[in-house]
Protein backbone atom coordinates (compact mmCIF):
# COMPACT_ATOMS: atom_id res chain seq x y z
CA MET A 1 0.03 -0.07 0.01
CA GLN A 2 1.16 3.61 -0.71
CA ASP A 3 -0.03 7.15 -0.28
CA LYS A 4 -2.70 8.09 -2.73
CA ARG A 5 -3.13 11.53 -4.36
CA ILE A 6 -6.92 12.42 -4.65
CA ILE A 7 -8.61 15.45 -6.31
CA CYS A 8 -11.16 17.00 -4.08
CA ALA A 9 -14.82 16.73 -5.58
CA GLN A 10 -15.70 20.03 -4.02
CA CYS A 11 -12.69 22.42 -4.47
CA GLY A 12 -10.73 20.50 -7.07
CA ASN A 13 -7.53 20.70 -5.12
CA PRO A 14 -5.29 17.59 -4.74
CA PHE A 15 -4.73 16.03 -1.27
CA VAL A 16 -2.74 13.04 0.02
CA PHE A 17 -4.53 10.04 1.45
CA THR A 18 -1.86 8.52 3.46
CA VAL A 19 -1.33 4.78 4.08
CA SER A 20 -2.20 5.26 7.84
CA GLN A 21 -5.42 7.04 6.73
CA GLN A 22 -6.31 4.43 4.35
CA GLN A 23 -5.84 1.69 6.88
CA ARG A 24 -8.13 3.61 9.37
CA PHE A 25 -10.79 4.08 6.58
CA ASN A 26 -10.59 0.38 5.61
CA SER A 27 -10.80 -0.77 9.22
CA LEU A 28 -13.97 1.23 9.74
CA GLY A 29 -15.42 0.09 6.38
CA PHE A 30 -15.37 3.52 4.87
CA ASP A 31 -14.71 4.27 1.09
CA ASP A 32 -11.82 6.69 0.09
CA PRO A 33 -12.61 10.32 0.95
CA LYS A 34 -13.87 12.48 -1.99
CA ARG A 35 -13.28 15.88 -0.24
CA CYS A 36 -10.08 17.35 1.18
CA GLU A 37 -9.98 17.96 4.98
CA GLU A 38 -10.88 21.64 4.62
CA CYS A 39 -13.98 20.91 2.60
CA ARG A 40 -15.03 18.15 4.97
CA LYS A 41 -14.66 20.52 7.95
CA LYS A 42 -16.62 23.14 6.05
CA LYS A 43 -19.36 20.56 5.26
CA VAL A 44 -19.72 19.72 8.95
CA LYS A 45 -19.89 23.38 9.85
CA ASP A 46 -22.64 24.03 7.19
CA GLY A 47 -25.01 21.59 9.03
CA PRO A 48 -26.80 18.50 7.98
CA SER A 49 -27.66 17.51 4.45
CA ARG A 50 -31.25 17.35 3.15
CA HIS A 51 -30.90 13.63 3.28
CA GLU A 52 -29.88 13.61 7.00
CA VAL A 53 -32.74 15.90 7.86
CA LYS A 54 -35.27 13.65 5.94
CA MET A 55 -33.99 10.52 7.61
CA LYS A 56 -34.07 12.25 11.22
CA TYR A 57 -37.68 13.21 10.46
CA LYS A 58 -38.69 9.68 9.38
CA ARG A 59 -37.05 8.13 12.47
CA GLN A 60 -38.96 10.51 14.77
CA LYS A 61 -42.26 9.81 13.00
CA PHE A 62 -41.55 5.98 13.04
CA SER A 63 -40.72 6.10 16.85
CA SER A 64 -43.94 8.19 17.57
CA ASP A 65 -46.07 5.72 15.49
CA ILE A 66 -44.88 2.87 17.64
CA SER A 67 -45.71 4.46 21.04
């Protein structure tokens, strides 16, 4: 295994995906990242995606239907 150079899907800048990062991602069952660290941090600050909000609403509705 060796370091990978990946182009960020959001900003287009290249970033290095190190061997240790690859091992960690693989052990957790994650795919390779598509965004650089800065864009990932920005995404977290921007809040949940529409999909995340929708799924939270469905979980709340489902749990209230059971009660």
